[in-house]
Amino acid sequence: MRESQSLPELFRQEIDVLKELNAQSLLKKEALLKDDLDALQVIVLKEEALSQKLKKIDDACSPQVQFFLRERFSGDGTKIEKGSEEVAALIEELRRQVKQLKLNNEFNQALIKDALAIVEFTINALMPQTSAESGFYGASGRINKDKQNSKKTLILDYKG
């Protein structure tokens, strides 16, 4: 990466990497929905590489952003100049890309939490329980506590 890159050029590079990360997050969603662990592993490795690239761009961009902000605002907080239309448009595009990536990642996180709840439920169903607290497992995979019916056996633990 060149040392003398301009702020708009760095923003464009950052936007390109964020677009790639967004595409990877959509692929990750599909892999999670299909339970394709091989594809998921490849996607995670690509995301790690893109994250490293984004960090390098951000490290190069940070001093220029600080300079841009100092030039744009005076000491008392009033605006000195409007700033470049191009930089403002790039900042807005950066915001859109980051917001989309955040939404995609939150959805993927919810999918992973659901998958982990199923795994926990399955493990709880297969493991012998020392004391039956209720007859039902909850959505989180844990045993629901039912004080009224504490003598019940667990549904999946009963070997009839």
N, C-alpha and C. Protein backbone atom coordinates (compact mmCIF):
# COMPACT_ATOMS: atom_id res chain seq x y z
N MET A 1 0.85 -1.18 0.00
CA MET A 1 0.00 0.00 0.00
C MET A 1 0.89 1.24 0.00
N ARG A 2 0.65 2.15 -0.89
CA ARG A 2 1.44 3.37 -0.99
C ARG A 2 1.18 4.27 0.20
N GLU A 3 2.22 4.98 0.61
CA GLU A 3 2.11 5.88 1.76
C GLU A 3 1.34 7.16 1.40
N SER A 4 1.44 7.60 0.15
CA SER A 4 0.89 8.90 -0.22
C SER A 4 -0.49 8.81 -0.87
N GLN A 5 -1.28 7.83 -0.49
CA GLN A 5 -2.62 7.72 -1.06
C GLN A 5 -3.51 8.83 -0.49
N SER A 6 -4.40 9.30 -1.34
CA SER A 6 -5.32 10.35 -0.91
C SER A 6 -6.46 9.75 -0.09
N LEU A 7 -7.10 10.59 0.69
CA LEU A 7 -8.22 10.14 1.52
C LEU A 7 -9.35 9.55 0.68
N PRO A 8 -9.77 10.18 -0.42
CA PRO A 8 -10.83 9.56 -1.25
C PRO A 8 -10.42 8.20 -1.80
N GLU A 9 -9.15 8.05 -2.16
CA GLU A 9 -8.68 6.77 -2.69
C GLU A 9 -8.74 5.69 -1.60
N LEU A 10 -8.34 6.05 -0.39
CA LEU A 10 -8.41 5.10 0.73
C LEU A 10 -9.86 4.74 1.05
N PHE A 11 -10.75 5.72 0.99
CA PHE A 11 -12.17 5.45 1.23
C PHE A 11 -12.72 4.49 0.18
N ARG A 12 -12.33 4.68 -1.09
CA ARG A 12 -12.79 3.78 -2.15
C ARG A 12 -12.31 2.35 -1.91
N GLN A 13 -11.06 2.22 -1.49
CA GLN A 13 -10.53 0.89 -1.18
C GLN A 13 -11.29 0.26 -0.01
N GLU A 14 -11.58 1.07 0.99
CA GLU A 14 -12.33 0.59 2.15
C GLU A 14 -13.74 0.15 1.74
N ILE A 15 -14.37 0.90 0.88
CA ILE A 15 -15.71 0.55 0.39
C ILE A 15 -15.65 -0.77 -0.38
N ASP A 16 -14.63 -0.95 -1.22
CA ASP A 16 -14.49 -2.20 -1.98
C ASP A 16 -14.35 -3.40 -1.05
N VAL A 17 -13.54 -3.26 0.00
CA VAL A 17 -13.35 -4.36 0.94
C VAL A 17 -14.65 -4.63 1.70
N LEU A 18 -15.37 -3.57 2.08
CA LEU A 18 -16.65 -3.76 2.77
C LEU A 18 -17.68 -4.44 1.87
N LYS A 19 -17.67 -4.12 0.58
CA LYS A 19 -18.57 -4.80 -0.36
C LYS A 19 -18.23 -6.29 -0.43
N GLU A 20 -16.93 -6.61 -0.45
CA GLU A 20 -16.53 -8.02 -0.46
C GLU A 20 -16.96 -8.71 0.84
N LEU A 21 -16.80 -8.02 1.97
CA LEU A 21 -17.23 -8.60 3.24
C LEU A 21 -18.74 -8.82 3.27
N ASN A 22 -19.49 -7.89 2.69
CA ASN A 22 -20.95 -8.06 2.60
C ASN A 22 -21.30 -9.27 1.75
N ALA A 23 -20.60 -9.45 0.64
CA ALA A 23 -20.86 -10.61 -0.21
C ALA A 23 -20.53 -11.90 0.54
N GLN A 24 -19.43 -11.90 1.29
CA GLN A 24 -19.07 -13.07 2.08
C GLN A 24 -20.10 -13.35 3.18
N SER A 25 -20.65 -12.29 3.78
CA SER A 25 -21.66 -12.50 4.84
C SER A 25 -22.93 -13.12 4.27
N LEU A 26 -23.27 -12.78 3.03
CA LEU A 26 -24.43 -13.42 2.39
C LEU A 26 -24.15 -14.88 2.06
N LEU A 27 -22.93 -15.17 1.62
CA LEU A 27 -22.54 -16.56 1.38
C LEU A 27 -22.53 -17.34 2.69
N LYS A 28 -22.11 -16.68 3.76
CA LYS A 28 -22.10 -17.35 5.07
C LYS A 28 -23.52 -17.67 5.50
N LYS A 29 -24.46 -16.77 5.23
CA LYS A 29 -25.85 -17.04 5.59
C LYS A 29 -26.36 -18.28 4.87
N GLU A 30 -26.06 -18.38 3.58
CA GLU A 30 -26.48 -19.56 2.81
C GLU A 30 -25.82 -20.83 3.34
N ALA A 31 -24.55 -20.74 3.68
CA ALA A 31 -23.85 -21.92 4.22
C ALA A 31 -24.43 -22.33 5.57
N LEU A 32 -24.78 -21.35 6.40
CA LEU A 32 -25.39 -21.67 7.70
C LEU A 32 -26.76 -22.31 7.52
N LEU A 33 -27.54 -21.79 6.59
CA LEU A 33 -28.87 -22.35 6.35
C LEU A 33 -28.81 -23.77 5.78
N LYS A 34 -27.76 -24.05 5.01
CA LYS A 34 -27.62 -25.37 4.41
C LYS A 34 -26.77 -26.31 5.27
N ASP A 35 -26.28 -25.83 6.40
CA ASP A 35 -25.39 -26.61 7.28
C ASP A 35 -24.16 -27.12 6.53
N ASP A 36 -23.61 -26.29 5.67
CA ASP A 36 -22.43 -26.65 4.88
C ASP A 36 -21.18 -26.14 5.59
N LEU A 37 -20.61 -26.99 6.45
CA LEU A 37 -19.47 -26.58 7.27
C LEU A 37 -18.20 -26.38 6.45
N ASP A 38 -18.04 -27.11 5.36
CA ASP A 38 -16.86 -26.94 4.51
C ASP A 38 -16.87 -25.56 3.86
N ALA A 39 -18.01 -25.17 3.30
CA ALA A 39 -18.14 -23.84 2.70
C ALA A 39 -17.97 -22.76 3.75
N LEU A 40 -18.51 -23.00 4.93
CA LEU A 40 -18.41 -22.03 6.02
C LEU A 40 -16.96 -21.80 6.42
N GLN A 41 -16.17 -22.86 6.46
CA GLN A 41 -14.76 -22.72 6.81
C GLN A 41 -14.02 -21.87 5.78
N VAL A 42 -14.28 -22.10 4.49
CA VAL A 42 -13.65 -21.32 3.43
C VAL A 42 -14.05 -19.85 3.54
N ILE A 43 -15.32 -19.60 3.82
CA ILE A 43 -15.82 -18.23 3.93
C ILE A 43 -15.16 -17.52 5.10
N VAL A 44 -15.04 -18.19 6.22
CA VAL A 44 -14.43 -17.58 7.41
C VAL A 44 -12.97 -17.22 7.13
N LEU A 45 -12.25 -18.09 6.42
CA LEU A 45 -10.86 -17.77 6.07
C LEU A 45 -10.77 -16.55 5.16
N LYS A 46 -11.70 -16.45 4.20
CA LYS A 46 -11.73 -15.28 3.32
C LYS A 46 -12.05 -14.02 4.12
N GLU A 47 -12.99 -14.13 5.05
CA GLU A 47 -13.34 -12.97 5.88
C GLU A 47 -12.16 -12.51 6.75
N GLU A 48 -11.40 -13.47 7.25
CA GLU A 48 -10.22 -13.10 8.04
C GLU A 48 -9.22 -12.32 7.19
N ALA A 49 -8.98 -12.78 5.97
CA ALA A 49 -8.05 -12.09 5.07
C ALA A 49 -8.57 -10.68 4.74
N LEU A 50 -9.86 -10.58 4.48
CA LEU A 50 -10.45 -9.27 4.18
C LEU A 50 -10.39 -8.35 5.39
N SER A 51 -10.57 -8.89 6.57
CA SER A 51 -10.49 -8.08 7.78
C SER A 51 -9.08 -7.54 7.99
N GLN A 52 -8.07 -8.35 7.69
CA GLN A 52 -6.68 -7.89 7.78
C GLN A 52 -6.44 -6.75 6.77
N LYS A 53 -6.96 -6.92 5.57
CA LYS A 53 -6.81 -5.90 4.54
C LYS A 53 -7.51 -4.61 4.97
N LEU A 54 -8.70 -4.74 5.54
CA LEU A 54 -9.44 -3.57 6.01
C LEU A 54 -8.69 -2.86 7.12
N LYS A 55 -8.06 -3.60 8.00
CA LYS A 55 -7.29 -3.00 9.09
C LYS A 55 -6.12 -2.19 8.55
N LYS A 56 -5.42 -2.73 7.54
CA LYS A 56 -4.30 -2.00 6.93
C LYS A 56 -4.77 -0.69 6.30
N ILE A 57 -5.89 -0.76 5.60
CA ILE A 57 -6.44 0.46 4.98
C ILE A 57 -6.84 1.45 6.05
N ASP A 58 -7.48 0.96 7.10
CA ASP A 58 -7.92 1.84 8.18
C ASP A 58 -6.74 2.49 8.88
N ASP A 59 -5.66 1.73 9.08
CA ASP A 59 -4.46 2.30 9.71
C ASP A 59 -3.87 3.41 8.85
N ALA A 60 -3.89 3.24 7.53
CA ALA A 60 -3.38 4.28 6.63
C ALA A 60 -4.33 5.46 6.55
N CYS A 61 -5.61 5.20 6.72
CA CYS A 61 -6.65 6.23 6.57
C CYS A 61 -6.79 7.09 7.83
N SER A 62 -6.56 6.52 8.99
CA SER A 62 -6.83 7.19 10.25
C SER A 62 -6.13 8.55 10.41
N PRO A 63 -4.82 8.66 10.14
CA PRO A 63 -4.19 9.98 10.28
C PRO A 63 -4.78 11.04 9.35
N GLN A 64 -5.13 10.60 8.13
CA GLN A 64 -5.70 11.56 7.19
C GLN A 64 -7.09 12.00 7.61
N VAL A 65 -7.86 11.09 8.21
CA VAL A 65 -9.19 11.45 8.71
C VAL A 65 -9.05 12.46 9.83
N GLN A 66 -8.09 12.24 10.73
CA GLN A 66 -7.87 13.19 11.83
C GLN A 66 -7.50 14.57 11.29
N PHE A 67 -6.62 14.61 10.29
CA PHE A 67 -6.24 15.87 9.67
C PHE A 67 -7.45 16.52 8.99
N PHE A 68 -8.25 15.72 8.30
CA PHE A 68 -9.45 16.21 7.62
C PHE A 68 -10.41 16.85 8.62
N LEU A 69 -10.60 16.18 9.75
CA LEU A 69 -11.52 16.71 10.77
C LEU A 69 -10.99 17.99 11.40
N ARG A 70 -9.67 18.05 11.65
CA ARG A 70 -9.09 19.28 12.22
C ARG A 70 -9.23 20.44 11.25
N GLU A 71 -9.04 20.18 9.96
CA GLU A 71 -9.16 21.23 8.95
C GLU A 71 -10.61 21.67 8.78
N ARG A 72 -11.52 20.75 8.97
CA ARG A 72 -12.94 21.04 8.72
C ARG A 72 -13.57 21.83 9.86
N PHE A 73 -13.10 21.62 11.09
CA PHE A 73 -13.68 22.30 12.24
C PHE A 73 -12.62 23.15 12.92
N SER A 74 -13.04 24.30 13.39
CA SER A 74 -12.12 25.15 14.15
C SER A 74 -12.14 24.73 15.61
N GLY A 75 -11.38 25.39 16.45
CA GLY A 75 -11.28 25.05 17.86
C GLY A 75 -12.58 25.20 18.63
N ASP A 76 -13.45 26.12 18.23
CA ASP A 76 -14.70 26.33 18.98
C ASP A 76 -15.85 25.47 18.44
N GLY A 77 -15.57 24.58 17.50
CA GLY A 77 -16.58 23.64 17.02
C GLY A 77 -17.38 24.14 15.83
N THR A 78 -17.11 25.32 15.34
CA THR A 78 -17.83 25.82 14.16
C THR A 78 -17.14 25.35 12.90
N LYS A 79 -17.91 25.16 11.86
CA LYS A 79 -17.36 24.67 10.61
C LYS A 79 -16.53 25.76 9.94
N ILE A 80 -15.37 25.35 9.42
CA ILE A 80 -14.55 26.27 8.64
C ILE A 80 -14.93 26.19 7.17
N GLU A 81 -14.99 24.97 6.67
CA GLU A 81 -15.37 24.80 5.27
C GLU A 81 -16.25 23.57 5.12
N LYS A 82 -16.98 23.52 4.06
CA LYS A 82 -17.94 22.45 3.83
C LYS A 82 -17.26 21.11 3.58
N GLY A 83 -16.08 21.12 2.97
CA GLY A 83 -15.41 19.86 2.66
C GLY A 83 -15.77 19.40 1.27
N SER A 84 -15.05 18.47 0.81
CA SER A 84 -15.22 17.97 -0.53
C SER A 84 -16.54 17.21 -0.67
N GLU A 85 -17.24 17.47 -1.76
CA GLU A 85 -18.47 16.72 -2.06
C GLU A 85 -18.14 15.25 -2.26
N GLU A 86 -17.00 14.99 -2.89
CA GLU A 86 -16.60 13.61 -3.15
C GLU A 86 -16.37 12.86 -1.83
N VAL A 87 -15.67 13.48 -0.89
CA VAL A 87 -15.40 12.84 0.40
C VAL A 87 -16.70 12.61 1.16
N ALA A 88 -17.61 13.57 1.11
CA ALA A 88 -18.90 13.40 1.79
C ALA A 88 -19.69 12.23 1.19
N ALA A 89 -19.67 12.11 -0.13
CA ALA A 89 -20.37 11.00 -0.79
C ALA A 89 -19.73 9.66 -0.43
N LEU A 90 -18.42 9.64 -0.36
CA LEU A 90 -17.72 8.40 0.00
C LEU A 90 -17.99 8.01 1.46
N ILE A 91 -18.06 9.01 2.32
CA ILE A 91 -18.37 8.73 3.73
C ILE A 91 -19.78 8.16 3.85
N GLU A 92 -20.72 8.69 3.09
CA GLU A 92 -22.09 8.18 3.12
C GLU A 92 -22.14 6.74 2.60
N GLU A 93 -21.39 6.45 1.54
CA GLU A 93 -21.34 5.08 1.02
C GLU A 93 -20.70 4.14 2.04
N LEU A 94 -19.68 4.60 2.73
CA LEU A 94 -19.06 3.81 3.79
C LEU A 94 -20.08 3.48 4.88
N ARG A 95 -20.85 4.46 5.26
CA ARG A 95 -21.89 4.24 6.28
C ARG A 95 -22.90 3.20 5.83
N ARG A 96 -23.33 3.28 4.58
CA ARG A 96 -24.29 2.30 4.06
C ARG A 96 -23.71 0.89 4.08
N GLN A 97 -22.48 0.77 3.63
CA GLN A 97 -21.84 -0.55 3.58
C GLN A 97 -21.65 -1.13 4.98
N VAL A 98 -21.23 -0.29 5.92
CA VAL A 98 -21.03 -0.76 7.30
C VAL A 98 -22.36 -1.17 7.93
N LYS A 99 -23.41 -0.39 7.67
CA LYS A 99 -24.72 -0.71 8.23
C LYS A 99 -25.23 -2.05 7.67
N GLN A 100 -25.05 -2.26 6.36
CA GLN A 100 -25.48 -3.51 5.75
C GLN A 100 -24.69 -4.69 6.31
N LEU A 101 -23.38 -4.50 6.48
CA LEU A 101 -22.55 -5.57 7.05
C LEU A 101 -22.98 -5.89 8.48
N LYS A 102 -23.31 -4.87 9.24
CA LYS A 102 -23.77 -5.08 10.62
C LYS A 102 -25.07 -5.88 10.63
N LEU A 103 -26.01 -5.53 9.76
CA LEU A 103 -27.28 -6.26 9.70
C LEU A 103 -27.07 -7.71 9.28
N ASN A 104 -26.22 -7.93 8.28
CA ASN A 104 -25.94 -9.30 7.83
C ASN A 104 -25.31 -10.11 8.95
N ASN A 105 -24.36 -9.51 9.66
CA ASN A 105 -23.67 -10.22 10.73
C ASN A 105 -24.60 -10.51 11.91
N GLU A 106 -25.51 -9.60 12.20
CA GLU A 106 -26.48 -9.84 13.28
C GLU A 106 -27.40 -11.02 12.93
N PHE A 107 -27.81 -11.08 11.66
CA PHE A 107 -28.66 -12.21 11.22
C PHE A 107 -27.89 -13.51 11.32
N ASN A 108 -26.63 -13.51 10.85
CA ASN A 108 -25.80 -14.72 10.92
C ASN A 108 -25.56 -15.13 12.37
N GLN A 109 -25.40 -14.16 13.24
CA GLN A 109 -25.21 -14.45 14.66
C GLN A 109 -26.46 -15.13 15.23
N ALA A 110 -27.63 -14.67 14.82
CA ALA A 110 -28.87 -15.29 15.28
C ALA A 110 -28.98 -16.74 14.77
N LEU A 111 -28.57 -16.97 13.53
CA LEU A 111 -28.57 -18.34 12.98
C LEU A 111 -27.63 -19.24 13.78
N ILE A 112 -26.47 -18.73 14.12
CA ILE A 112 -25.50 -19.52 14.88
C ILE A 112 -26.02 -19.81 16.29
N LYS A 113 -26.66 -18.82 16.92
CA LYS A 113 -27.24 -19.04 18.25
C LYS A 113 -28.32 -20.12 18.20
N ASP A 114 -29.15 -20.09 17.16
CA ASP A 114 -30.19 -21.11 17.01
C ASP A 114 -29.57 -22.50 16.82
N ALA A 115 -28.52 -22.57 16.02
CA ALA A 115 -27.86 -23.86 15.79
C ALA A 115 -27.23 -24.37 17.09
N LEU A 116 -26.64 -23.48 17.87
CA LEU A 116 -26.06 -23.89 19.14
C LEU A 116 -27.13 -24.33 20.14
N ALA A 117 -28.29 -23.70 20.10
CA ALA A 117 -29.39 -24.12 20.99
C ALA A 117 -29.85 -25.53 20.63
N ILE A 118 -29.86 -25.86 19.35
CA ILE A 118 -30.24 -27.21 18.92
C ILE A 118 -29.20 -28.22 19.40
N VAL A 119 -27.93 -27.85 19.28
CA VAL A 119 -26.86 -28.74 19.74
C VAL A 119 -26.97 -28.95 21.25
N GLU A 120 -27.19 -27.88 21.99
CA GLU A 120 -27.32 -28.00 23.45
C GLU A 120 -28.54 -28.85 23.82
N PHE A 121 -29.64 -28.67 23.10
CA PHE A 121 -30.84 -29.47 23.33
C PHE A 121 -30.54 -30.95 23.11
N THR A 122 -29.86 -31.25 22.01
CA THR A 122 -29.54 -32.64 21.69
C THR A 122 -28.63 -33.25 22.74
N ILE A 123 -27.63 -32.51 23.17
CA ILE A 123 -26.73 -33.02 24.21
C ILE A 123 -27.49 -33.25 25.51
N ASN A 124 -28.34 -32.30 25.88
CA ASN A 124 -29.14 -32.46 27.11
C ASN A 124 -30.08 -33.65 27.01
N ALA A 125 -30.61 -33.88 25.82
CA ALA A 125 -31.54 -35.00 25.64
C ALA A 125 -30.82 -36.35 25.76
N LEU A 126 -29.57 -36.39 25.34
CA LEU A 126 -28.83 -37.65 25.35
C LEU A 126 -28.14 -37.94 26.69
N MET A 127 -27.84 -36.92 27.43
CA MET A 127 -27.13 -37.10 28.71
C MET A 127 -28.13 -37.44 29.81
N PRO A 128 -27.76 -38.36 30.69
CA PRO A 128 -28.67 -38.68 31.80
C PRO A 128 -28.74 -37.50 32.77
N GLN A 129 -29.93 -37.24 33.25
CA GLN A 129 -30.15 -36.14 34.19
C GLN A 129 -30.17 -36.70 35.60
N THR A 130 -29.51 -36.02 36.53
CA THR A 130 -29.47 -36.50 37.91
C THR A 130 -30.77 -36.23 38.63
N SER A 131 -31.41 -35.13 38.30
CA SER A 131 -32.71 -34.84 38.93
C SER A 131 -33.62 -34.22 37.89
N ALA A 132 -34.79 -34.76 37.78
CA ALA A 132 -35.74 -34.25 36.79
C ALA A 132 -36.43 -33.03 37.37
N GLU A 133 -36.19 -31.88 36.73
CA GLU A 133 -36.79 -30.65 37.23
C GLU A 133 -38.12 -30.37 36.56
N SER A 134 -38.28 -30.81 35.34
CA SER A 134 -39.56 -30.65 34.65
C SER A 134 -39.60 -31.65 33.51
N GLY A 135 -40.69 -31.70 32.82
CA GLY A 135 -40.82 -32.65 31.72
C GLY A 135 -40.47 -32.06 30.38
N PHE A 136 -39.95 -30.84 30.31
CA PHE A 136 -39.78 -30.19 29.02
C PHE A 136 -38.46 -29.45 28.93
N TYR A 137 -37.91 -29.43 27.72
CA TYR A 137 -36.76 -28.61 27.41
C TYR A 137 -37.26 -27.32 26.78
N GLY A 138 -36.60 -26.21 27.07
CA GLY A 138 -36.97 -24.92 26.49
C GLY A 138 -36.30 -24.70 25.15
N ALA A 139 -36.57 -23.55 24.54
CA ALA A 139 -36.02 -23.23 23.22
C ALA A 139 -34.51 -23.07 23.26
N SER A 140 -33.95 -22.74 24.41
CA SER A 140 -32.51 -22.58 24.52
C SER A 140 -31.79 -23.91 24.63
N GLY A 141 -32.53 -25.01 24.79
CA GLY A 141 -31.93 -26.32 24.96
C GLY A 141 -31.76 -26.70 26.42
N ARG A 142 -32.13 -25.81 27.30
CA ARG A 142 -32.01 -26.08 28.73
C ARG A 142 -33.35 -26.55 29.28
N ILE A 143 -33.29 -27.19 30.43
CA ILE A 143 -34.49 -27.72 31.07
C ILE A 143 -35.30 -26.57 31.66
N ASN A 144 -36.60 -26.56 31.37
CA ASN A 144 -37.49 -25.58 31.99
C ASN A 144 -37.74 -25.99 33.44
N LYS A 145 -37.72 -25.04 34.32
CA LYS A 145 -37.98 -25.33 35.72
C LYS A 145 -39.48 -25.24 35.97
N ASP A 146 -40.03 -26.28 36.52
CA ASP A 146 -41.46 -26.35 36.80
C ASP A 146 -41.61 -26.86 38.23
N LYS A 147 -41.88 -25.95 39.15
CA LYS A 147 -41.94 -26.32 40.57
C LYS A 147 -43.17 -27.15 40.91
N GLN A 148 -44.25 -27.01 40.14
CA GLN A 148 -45.47 -27.76 40.43
C GLN A 148 -45.31 -29.24 40.08
N ASN A 149 -44.60 -29.53 39.02
CA ASN A 149 -44.48 -30.92 38.54
C ASN A 149 -43.03 -31.39 38.63
N SER A 150 -42.41 -31.25 39.78
CA SER A 150 -41.00 -31.56 39.92
C SER A 150 -40.71 -33.06 39.89
N LYS A 151 -41.71 -33.91 39.98
CA LYS A 151 -41.50 -35.36 40.00
C LYS A 151 -41.50 -35.96 38.58
N LYS A 152 -41.81 -35.17 37.55
CA LYS A 152 -41.89 -35.69 36.19
C LYS A 152 -40.51 -36.11 35.70
N THR A 153 -40.50 -37.09 34.82
CA THR A 153 -39.26 -37.45 34.14
C THR A 153 -39.16 -36.62 32.87
N LEU A 154 -37.95 -36.45 32.38
CA LEU A 154 -37.75 -35.68 31.16
C LEU A 154 -38.25 -36.47 29.96
N ILE A 155 -38.87 -35.77 29.05
CA ILE A 155 -39.51 -36.41 27.92
C ILE A 155 -38.56 -37.32 27.16
N LEU A 156 -37.40 -36.84 26.82
CA LEU A 156 -36.48 -37.61 25.99
C LEU A 156 -35.60 -38.56 26.80
N ASP A 157 -35.63 -38.45 28.12
CA ASP A 157 -34.81 -39.34 28.95
C ASP A 157 -35.56 -40.62 29.32
N TYR A 158 -36.85 -40.62 29.13
CA TYR A 158 -37.67 -41.77 29.51
C TYR A 158 -37.44 -42.90 28.51
N LYS A 159 -37.06 -44.07 28.97
CA LYS A 159 -36.73 -45.19 28.09
C LYS A 159 -37.85 -46.23 28.08
N GLY A 160 -39.07 -45.88 28.40
CA GLY A 160 -40.28 -46.62 28.43
C GLY A 160 -40.24 -48.06 28.35
